[in-house]
């Protein structure tokens, strides 16, 4: 599908499930004021229309699945 010129509403439906981007530099991609878990949950809420509780539980599950070294409730983005 051609994405150039696609209306924002249609692009929003593709983002998250069908297409995405993985930034390699946490300082450029994540907000250092908010915890990693909160930012993961926010993305889940937006793209999956989950409740706050569902999104938070999923964020914790996904953080554990990818073996984040610190709990996402306390870890802030930083460069390695």
N, C-alpha and C. Protein backbone atom coordinates (compact mmCIF):
# COMPACT_ATOMS: atom_id res chain seq x y z
N UNK A 1 0.84 -1.18 0.00
CA UNK A 1 0.00 0.00 0.00
C UNK A 1 0.88 1.24 0.00
N UNK A 2 0.44 2.22 -0.71
CA UNK A 2 1.16 3.49 -0.76
C UNK A 2 0.83 4.30 0.49
N UNK A 3 1.86 4.65 1.26
CA UNK A 3 1.65 5.39 2.50
C UNK A 3 1.74 6.89 2.30
N UNK A 4 2.49 7.32 1.30
CA UNK A 4 2.64 8.75 1.05
C UNK A 4 1.30 9.33 0.64
N UNK A 5 0.89 10.35 1.36
CA UNK A 5 -0.38 10.99 1.07
C UNK A 5 -1.59 10.35 1.74
N UNK A 6 -1.36 9.25 2.47
CA UNK A 6 -2.46 8.57 3.16
C UNK A 6 -2.95 9.46 4.30
N UNK A 7 -4.24 9.57 4.51
CA UNK A 7 -4.77 10.40 5.60
C UNK A 7 -4.27 9.90 6.96
N UNK A 8 -4.11 10.84 7.90
CA UNK A 8 -3.59 10.50 9.23
C UNK A 8 -4.40 9.40 9.90
N UNK A 9 -5.70 9.43 9.76
CA UNK A 9 -6.57 8.43 10.41
C UNK A 9 -6.23 7.02 9.92
N UNK A 10 -6.00 6.87 8.61
CA UNK A 10 -5.64 5.55 8.06
C UNK A 10 -4.24 5.13 8.51
N UNK A 11 -3.31 6.08 8.53
CA UNK A 11 -1.96 5.77 9.00
C UNK A 11 -1.98 5.32 10.46
N UNK A 12 -2.79 5.98 11.27
CA UNK A 12 -2.87 5.63 12.69
C UNK A 12 -3.35 4.19 12.87
N UNK A 13 -4.21 3.72 11.99
CA UNK A 13 -4.70 2.35 12.09
C UNK A 13 -3.60 1.34 11.77
N UNK A 14 -2.64 1.72 10.95
CA UNK A 14 -1.54 0.82 10.59
C UNK A 14 -0.45 0.79 11.65
N UNK A 15 -0.24 1.92 12.31
CA UNK A 15 0.85 2.03 13.27
C UNK A 15 0.62 1.13 14.48
N UNK A 16 1.68 0.50 14.91
CA UNK A 16 1.60 -0.34 16.10
C UNK A 16 1.50 -1.81 15.76
N UNK A 17 0.51 -2.18 14.96
CA UNK A 17 0.34 -3.59 14.60
C UNK A 17 1.04 -3.94 13.30
N UNK A 18 0.83 -3.12 12.28
CA UNK A 18 1.34 -3.45 10.95
C UNK A 18 2.70 -2.83 10.66
N UNK A 19 2.93 -1.62 11.15
CA UNK A 19 4.21 -0.98 10.94
C UNK A 19 4.67 -0.30 12.23
N UNK A 20 5.93 -0.13 12.35
CA UNK A 20 6.47 0.53 13.53
C UNK A 20 7.93 0.86 13.30
N UNK A 21 8.51 1.49 14.28
CA UNK A 21 9.91 1.86 14.21
C UNK A 21 10.54 1.57 15.57
N UNK A 22 11.74 1.06 15.54
CA UNK A 22 12.46 0.78 16.77
C UNK A 22 13.68 1.69 16.79
N UNK A 23 13.66 2.68 17.67
CA UNK A 23 14.76 3.61 17.78
C UNK A 23 15.88 2.95 18.56
N UNK A 24 17.11 3.21 18.16
CA UNK A 24 18.27 2.60 18.80
C UNK A 24 18.86 3.47 19.91
N UNK A 25 18.48 4.73 19.95
CA UNK A 25 19.03 5.65 20.95
C UNK A 25 17.92 6.07 21.90
N UNK A 26 17.91 5.54 23.12
CA UNK A 26 16.82 5.83 24.06
C UNK A 26 16.63 7.32 24.35
N UNK A 27 17.71 8.08 24.41
CA UNK A 27 17.57 9.51 24.71
C UNK A 27 16.81 10.26 23.63
N UNK A 28 16.87 9.78 22.41
CA UNK A 28 16.17 10.44 21.31
C UNK A 28 14.73 9.95 21.18
N UNK A 29 14.44 8.76 21.69
CA UNK A 29 13.13 8.17 21.47
C UNK A 29 12.22 8.18 22.69
N UNK A 30 12.79 8.23 23.89
CA UNK A 30 11.99 8.13 25.11
C UNK A 30 12.12 9.39 25.95
N UNK A 31 11.11 9.66 26.72
CA UNK A 31 11.09 10.82 27.61
C UNK A 31 11.80 10.45 28.91
N UNK A 32 12.89 11.15 29.25
CA UNK A 32 13.65 10.79 30.45
C UNK A 32 12.93 11.10 31.76
N UNK A 33 11.85 11.84 31.71
CA UNK A 33 11.09 12.20 32.90
C UNK A 33 10.16 11.05 33.32
N UNK A 34 9.71 10.27 32.36
CA UNK A 34 8.74 9.20 32.61
C UNK A 34 9.42 7.84 32.60
N UNK A 35 8.89 6.91 33.37
CA UNK A 35 9.48 5.57 33.40
C UNK A 35 9.25 4.86 32.07
N UNK A 36 10.11 3.90 31.80
CA UNK A 36 9.99 3.10 30.58
C UNK A 36 8.63 2.38 30.56
N UNK A 37 8.24 1.83 31.69
CA UNK A 37 6.96 1.11 31.76
C UNK A 37 5.78 1.99 31.41
N UNK A 38 5.80 3.21 31.90
CA UNK A 38 4.70 4.14 31.61
C UNK A 38 4.64 4.45 30.12
N UNK A 39 5.79 4.58 29.48
CA UNK A 39 5.82 4.88 28.06
C UNK A 39 5.38 3.67 27.22
N UNK A 40 5.73 2.49 27.66
CA UNK A 40 5.27 1.28 26.97
C UNK A 40 3.75 1.17 27.11
N UNK A 41 3.24 1.39 28.31
CA UNK A 41 1.80 1.31 28.55
C UNK A 41 1.04 2.33 27.72
N UNK A 42 1.59 3.52 27.59
CA UNK A 42 0.93 4.56 26.80
C UNK A 42 0.77 4.11 25.35
N UNK A 43 1.81 3.52 24.80
CA UNK A 43 1.74 3.03 23.43
C UNK A 43 0.69 1.93 23.28
N UNK A 44 0.63 1.04 24.24
CA UNK A 44 -0.36 -0.04 24.22
C UNK A 44 -1.78 0.55 24.27
N UNK A 45 -1.98 1.53 25.14
CA UNK A 45 -3.31 2.17 25.26
C UNK A 45 -3.72 2.80 23.95
N UNK A 46 -2.80 3.47 23.28
CA UNK A 46 -3.13 4.16 22.03
C UNK A 46 -3.42 3.18 20.91
N UNK A 47 -2.55 2.19 20.75
CA UNK A 47 -2.66 1.31 19.59
C UNK A 47 -3.61 0.14 19.78
N UNK A 48 -3.86 -0.25 21.00
CA UNK A 48 -4.74 -1.40 21.24
C UNK A 48 -6.02 -1.02 21.97
N UNK A 49 -6.19 0.27 22.23
CA UNK A 49 -7.38 0.77 22.92
C UNK A 49 -7.64 0.00 24.22
N UNK A 50 -6.58 -0.21 24.97
CA UNK A 50 -6.67 -0.94 26.24
C UNK A 50 -6.93 0.05 27.37
N UNK A 51 -7.49 -0.46 28.44
CA UNK A 51 -7.67 0.36 29.64
C UNK A 51 -6.30 0.62 30.25
N UNK A 52 -6.24 1.56 31.19
CA UNK A 52 -4.96 1.85 31.86
C UNK A 52 -4.43 0.61 32.56
N UNK A 53 -5.30 -0.09 33.24
CA UNK A 53 -4.90 -1.30 33.97
C UNK A 53 -4.40 -2.38 33.02
N UNK A 54 -5.13 -2.62 31.92
CA UNK A 54 -4.72 -3.64 30.95
C UNK A 54 -3.38 -3.27 30.32
N UNK A 55 -3.24 -2.00 29.97
CA UNK A 55 -2.00 -1.55 29.33
C UNK A 55 -0.81 -1.69 30.28
N UNK A 56 -1.02 -1.34 31.55
CA UNK A 56 0.07 -1.44 32.53
C UNK A 56 0.48 -2.89 32.72
N UNK A 57 -0.48 -3.78 32.84
CA UNK A 57 -0.17 -5.20 33.03
C UNK A 57 0.58 -5.75 31.82
N UNK A 58 0.14 -5.36 30.65
CA UNK A 58 0.82 -5.81 29.42
C UNK A 58 2.23 -5.24 29.34
N UNK A 59 2.41 -3.98 29.75
CA UNK A 59 3.74 -3.37 29.73
C UNK A 59 4.69 -4.15 30.64
N UNK A 60 4.22 -4.52 31.82
CA UNK A 60 5.05 -5.30 32.74
C UNK A 60 5.39 -6.67 32.16
N UNK A 61 4.41 -7.30 31.54
CA UNK A 61 4.62 -8.61 30.92
C UNK A 61 5.65 -8.51 29.80
N UNK A 62 5.51 -7.50 28.95
CA UNK A 62 6.43 -7.36 27.82
C UNK A 62 7.84 -7.00 28.30
N UNK A 63 7.95 -6.18 29.32
CA UNK A 63 9.27 -5.83 29.87
C UNK A 63 9.96 -7.08 30.40
N UNK A 64 9.20 -7.92 31.06
CA UNK A 64 9.77 -9.17 31.57
C UNK A 64 10.16 -10.09 30.43
N UNK A 65 9.33 -10.14 29.40
CA UNK A 65 9.57 -11.01 28.26
C UNK A 65 10.87 -10.66 27.54
N UNK A 66 11.17 -9.37 27.45
CA UNK A 66 12.41 -8.96 26.77
C UNK A 66 13.56 -8.77 27.74
N UNK A 67 13.34 -9.14 29.00
CA UNK A 67 14.37 -9.15 30.03
C UNK A 67 15.00 -7.77 30.28
N UNK A 68 14.15 -6.77 30.48
CA UNK A 68 14.69 -5.47 30.88
C UNK A 68 15.44 -5.67 32.19
N UNK A 69 16.62 -5.08 32.33
CA UNK A 69 17.43 -5.34 33.52
C UNK A 69 16.86 -4.78 34.82
N UNK A 70 16.05 -3.75 34.76
CA UNK A 70 15.42 -3.17 35.95
C UNK A 70 13.92 -3.17 35.75
N UNK A 71 13.17 -3.14 36.82
CA UNK A 71 11.72 -3.06 36.66
C UNK A 71 11.33 -1.81 35.88
N UNK A 72 10.40 -1.91 34.96
CA UNK A 72 10.00 -0.74 34.17
C UNK A 72 9.30 0.32 35.01
N UNK A 73 9.00 0.01 36.26
CA UNK A 73 8.36 1.00 37.12
C UNK A 73 9.35 1.99 37.67
N UNK A 74 10.64 1.65 37.66
CA UNK A 74 11.63 2.54 38.23
C UNK A 74 12.68 2.99 37.20
N UNK A 75 12.81 2.26 36.14
CA UNK A 75 13.87 2.55 35.18
C UNK A 75 13.49 3.72 34.27
N UNK A 76 14.40 4.65 34.13
CA UNK A 76 14.24 5.79 33.24
C UNK A 76 15.14 5.55 32.02
N UNK A 77 14.73 6.05 30.85
CA UNK A 77 15.57 5.86 29.66
C UNK A 77 16.95 6.48 29.87
N UNK A 78 17.95 5.80 29.37
CA UNK A 78 19.31 6.35 29.40
C UNK A 78 20.13 5.68 28.32
N UNK A 79 21.18 6.32 27.92
CA UNK A 79 22.09 5.73 26.93
C UNK A 79 23.00 4.74 27.63
N UNK A 80 23.41 3.73 26.90
CA UNK A 80 24.34 2.75 27.47
C UNK A 80 25.74 2.99 26.99
